[in-house]
Every structure is written in C-alpha cells, then in structure tokens.
Amino acid sequence: MSVSDDSLDDAGNAERANSRPRRKRPEPTPTQRALGLLVRREHSQKELSRKLAARGVDPDAAQVAIGKLRDAGWQDDARFAETLIRSRAATGYGPLHIRAELATHGLGRAAIAAAMDEFDCDWSANARDLVQRRFGVIQANDRPTRHKAAHLLMRRGFGSEHVRAATRADADD
C-alpha cells in the first residue's frame, strides 16, 4: 500500500485518514497523585509531601490530601516503618543504619523506637549471616579477614556487640 506525497506531514509521517484529536486527560488532584505514589510502595508523610511538592502540588493541598489518605488507612507511618525495617534487615543492614534511615524519612524518636521494639529480630544472627555470606567461615587466626568483616558490619549499621558476636573466633562462646 503506498501513501501519496500530499498525505505526508513535514516529518514524513502518514496522517490517519479518520484521526480524531486526542482528548486531554484532566489534571490529577493532589489526592490522586498521592494515591498513585502509595499504590507503588509505602511512603512516610514527609516523603509523600516532598514528592508531591516536586510534582508542583501546593503544600497546603498536599497536606490535606495526605490527611485524607491517612484517615482512610492508605498512608501510615507505622506501617511504612515496619516495611522499611523488614526490608533493610533482610538485605543485611543493622539497627543503627535503619534508625538513621527512618529519621531521614521524618519519623520521630518515639515512632522509631516503637517500630524497632516491635520488630522481632536477632541482630547478632543477622550479622553472623552477613559475614558468612560475604567471607565464609573465618578461621581463628585470620585477623585481616575478621577486621574486614568487622568494618563491613560497622558500615552496615551494626553495633559493637553484634560485630563482636559475628567476628569472634568461636561463635559458640
């Protein structure tokens, strides 16, 4: 099938014979924008406000929208904290790192403490598992590897008691 030269636009594309102009979608409301973010993953109130502001939503309208979604159960900082803690613990991060990350998301000290206390985890076991995955079994006389493992755990936010438990020569002590 050939297209005649007069039916081509400036870019050389063929125009549709019966093309209708596309209907423009209405601008989403602040609540719709916030809900669109929340259906993808949990967000803290602070994070949601920041993202809505980046999308050009008025701060007052954003707070109203976040309040509606919080009241409806779509947004919950406690649920966000629980999800983040579970995710970070599963990927090898320690309690110090997780607490700091929760603080950057705008959660208060009381909310962070409650979420961390509610999360049931053996941080020493998590630290040992991370060391085992990265370094295998570390021999008692292999001080350089034990030091590397200790530095890894400290960078990942494990406390000194967890580092000692994971890097000591005899794990049964």
Protein backbone atom coordinates (compact mmCIF):
# COMPACT_ATOMS: atom_id res chain seq x y z
CA MET A 1 0.00 0.00 0.00
CA SER A 2 1.52 3.30 -0.98
CA VAL A 3 0.97 6.69 0.58
CA SER A 4 0.69 9.71 -1.66
CA ASP A 5 3.13 12.55 -1.14
CA ASP A 6 0.41 15.02 -0.22
CA SER A 7 -0.76 12.95 2.76
CA LEU A 8 2.65 13.10 4.45
CA ASP A 9 3.32 15.74 7.07
CA ASP A 10 6.58 17.67 7.40
CA ALA A 11 8.26 14.81 9.25
CA GLY A 12 7.29 12.35 6.52
CA ASN A 13 4.72 10.51 8.65
CA ALA A 14 1.46 9.39 7.16
CA GLU A 15 -1.59 11.07 8.68
CA ARG A 16 -4.52 8.92 9.65
CA ALA A 17 -7.48 9.41 7.39
CA ASN A 18 -10.01 9.45 10.21
CA SER A 19 -7.85 10.69 13.05
CA ARG A 20 -9.64 12.32 15.94
CA PRO A 21 -7.89 14.74 18.20
CA ARG A 22 -6.83 13.06 21.42
CA ARG A 23 -8.78 14.03 24.43
CA LYS A 24 -6.56 15.61 27.03
CA ARG A 25 -6.62 13.90 30.39
CA PRO A 26 -7.75 16.06 33.26
CA GLU A 27 -5.03 17.12 35.68
CA PRO A 28 -4.94 14.65 38.63
CA THR A 29 -5.94 16.01 42.02
CA PRO A 30 -3.38 16.08 44.84
CA THR A 31 -5.13 13.11 46.43
CA GLN A 32 -4.94 11.14 43.17
CA ARG A 33 -1.24 11.97 42.83
CA ALA A 34 -0.54 10.88 46.41
CA LEU A 35 -2.55 7.70 45.98
CA GLY A 36 -0.65 6.96 42.78
CA LEU A 37 2.58 7.06 44.78
CA LEU A 38 1.19 4.95 47.62
CA VAL A 39 -0.06 2.13 45.41
CA ARG A 40 3.52 1.54 44.25
CA ARG A 41 5.03 1.32 47.75
CA GLU A 42 4.69 2.67 51.29
CA HIS A 43 5.76 6.28 51.86
CA SER A 44 6.21 8.31 55.02
CA GLN A 45 4.25 11.56 55.36
CA LYS A 46 7.42 13.61 54.89
CA GLU A 47 8.44 11.65 51.80
CA LEU A 48 4.96 11.94 50.32
CA SER A 49 4.90 15.73 50.91
CA ARG A 50 8.31 16.10 49.30
CA LYS A 51 7.30 14.09 46.24
CA LEU A 52 4.03 15.97 45.83
CA ALA A 53 5.88 19.31 46.08
CA ALA A 54 8.29 18.11 43.38
CA ARG A 55 5.26 17.44 41.18
CA GLY A 56 4.01 21.00 41.63
CA VAL A 57 1.32 20.37 44.22
CA ASP A 58 0.63 23.25 46.64
CA PRO A 59 1.93 22.36 50.15
CA ASP A 60 -1.43 23.05 51.82
CA ALA A 61 -3.29 20.92 49.25
CA ALA A 62 -0.68 18.19 49.71
CA GLN A 63 -1.20 18.15 53.49
CA VAL A 64 -4.97 17.93 53.04
CA ALA A 65 -4.56 15.05 50.57
CA ILE A 66 -2.13 13.21 52.87
CA GLY A 67 -4.54 13.71 55.78
CA LYS A 68 -7.41 12.19 53.76
CA LEU A 69 -5.29 9.19 52.79
CA ARG A 70 -4.03 8.74 56.36
CA ASP A 71 -7.61 8.81 57.69
CA ALA A 72 -8.67 6.28 55.05
CA GLY A 73 -5.81 3.96 56.01
CA TRP A 74 -3.80 4.33 52.81
CA GLN A 75 -0.88 6.11 54.46
CA ASP A 76 0.51 5.02 57.82
CA ASP A 77 3.94 5.95 59.15
CA ALA A 78 3.99 2.92 61.47
CA ARG A 79 3.33 0.57 58.55
CA PHE A 80 5.96 2.40 56.50
CA ALA A 81 8.50 1.96 59.32
CA GLU A 82 7.68 -1.74 59.68
CA THR A 83 8.11 -2.30 55.95
CA LEU A 84 11.38 -0.41 55.79
CA ILE A 85 12.82 -2.21 58.84
CA ARG A 86 11.89 -5.63 57.47
CA SER A 87 13.34 -4.79 54.05
CA ARG A 88 16.63 -3.38 55.35
CA ALA A 89 17.15 -6.16 57.90
CA ALA A 90 16.62 -8.74 55.16
CA THR A 91 19.26 -7.08 52.98
CA GLY A 92 21.93 -7.05 55.68
CA TYR A 93 21.61 -3.68 57.39
CA GLY A 94 21.88 -3.24 61.14
CA PRO A 95 19.73 -1.37 63.63
CA LEU A 96 21.86 1.79 63.69
CA HIS A 97 21.61 2.25 59.92
CA ILE A 98 17.88 1.53 59.95
CA ARG A 99 17.21 4.01 62.78
CA ALA A 100 19.11 6.71 60.89
CA GLU A 101 17.21 6.00 57.68
CA LEU A 102 13.87 6.14 59.47
CA ALA A 103 14.86 9.53 60.90
CA THR A 104 15.59 10.85 57.39
CA HIS A 105 12.04 9.90 56.44
CA GLY A 106 10.66 12.24 59.10
CA LEU A 107 9.70 9.76 61.79
CA GLY A 108 10.10 10.92 65.38
CA ARG A 109 12.23 9.22 68.00
CA ALA A 110 9.21 7.69 69.73
CA ALA A 111 7.85 6.26 66.46
CA ILE A 112 11.26 4.87 65.53
CA ALA A 113 11.75 3.31 68.96
CA ALA A 114 8.28 1.75 68.87
CA ALA A 115 8.83 0.32 65.38
CA MET A 116 12.27 -1.07 66.26
CA ASP A 117 10.99 -2.59 69.53
CA GLU A 118 8.07 -4.20 67.72
CA PHE A 119 10.35 -5.77 65.10
CA ASP A 120 11.46 -9.19 66.31
CA CYS A 121 14.99 -9.79 65.09
CA ASP A 122 18.20 -11.34 66.36
CA TRP A 123 20.63 -8.70 65.12
CA SER A 124 23.66 -10.79 66.10
CA ALA A 125 22.37 -13.66 63.97
CA ASN A 126 21.79 -11.25 61.07
CA ALA A 127 25.37 -10.01 61.44
CA ARG A 128 26.72 -13.57 61.50
CA ASP A 129 24.70 -14.46 58.40
CA LEU A 130 26.05 -11.43 56.54
CA VAL A 131 29.64 -12.31 57.47
CA GLN A 132 29.04 -15.94 56.46
CA ARG A 133 27.65 -14.90 53.06
CA ARG A 134 30.48 -12.46 52.35
CA PHE A 135 33.51 -14.22 53.83
CA GLY A 136 32.53 -17.82 54.50
CA VAL A 137 33.92 -19.44 57.62
CA ILE A 138 36.61 -17.21 59.10
CA GLN A 139 39.48 -19.04 60.75
CA ALA A 140 40.51 -18.03 64.28
CA ASN A 141 43.98 -16.93 63.14
CA ASP A 142 42.73 -14.96 60.09
CA ARG A 143 42.83 -11.50 61.66
CA PRO A 144 42.75 -9.49 58.38
CA THR A 145 39.50 -11.16 57.30
CA ARG A 146 38.00 -10.69 60.77
CA HIS A 147 38.88 -6.99 60.57
CA LYS A 148 37.32 -6.71 57.10
CA ALA A 149 34.18 -8.38 58.39
CA ALA A 150 34.05 -6.05 61.40
CA HIS A 151 34.39 -2.98 59.16
CA LEU A 152 31.65 -4.27 56.87
CA LEU A 153 29.31 -4.74 59.81
CA MET A 154 30.07 -1.28 61.21
CA ARG A 155 29.43 0.32 57.80
CA ARG A 156 26.16 -1.57 57.61
CA GLY A 157 25.00 -0.16 60.95
CA PHE A 158 25.57 -2.99 63.40
CA GLY A 159 26.53 -2.14 66.97
CA SER A 160 29.75 -3.25 68.64
CA GLU A 161 28.06 -6.14 70.46
CA HIS A 162 26.76 -7.51 67.15
CA VAL A 163 30.16 -7.07 65.50
CA ARG A 164 31.89 -8.94 68.32
CA ALA A 165 29.33 -11.74 68.20
CA ALA A 166 29.72 -12.14 64.43
CA THR A 167 33.51 -11.90 64.18
CA ARG A 168 34.77 -13.73 67.27
CA ALA A 169 36.80 -16.85 66.66
CA ASP A 170 34.42 -19.24 68.41
CA ALA A 171 30.79 -18.44 67.61
CA ASP A 172 29.60 -20.79 70.37
CA ASP A 173 31.10 -18.67 73.19
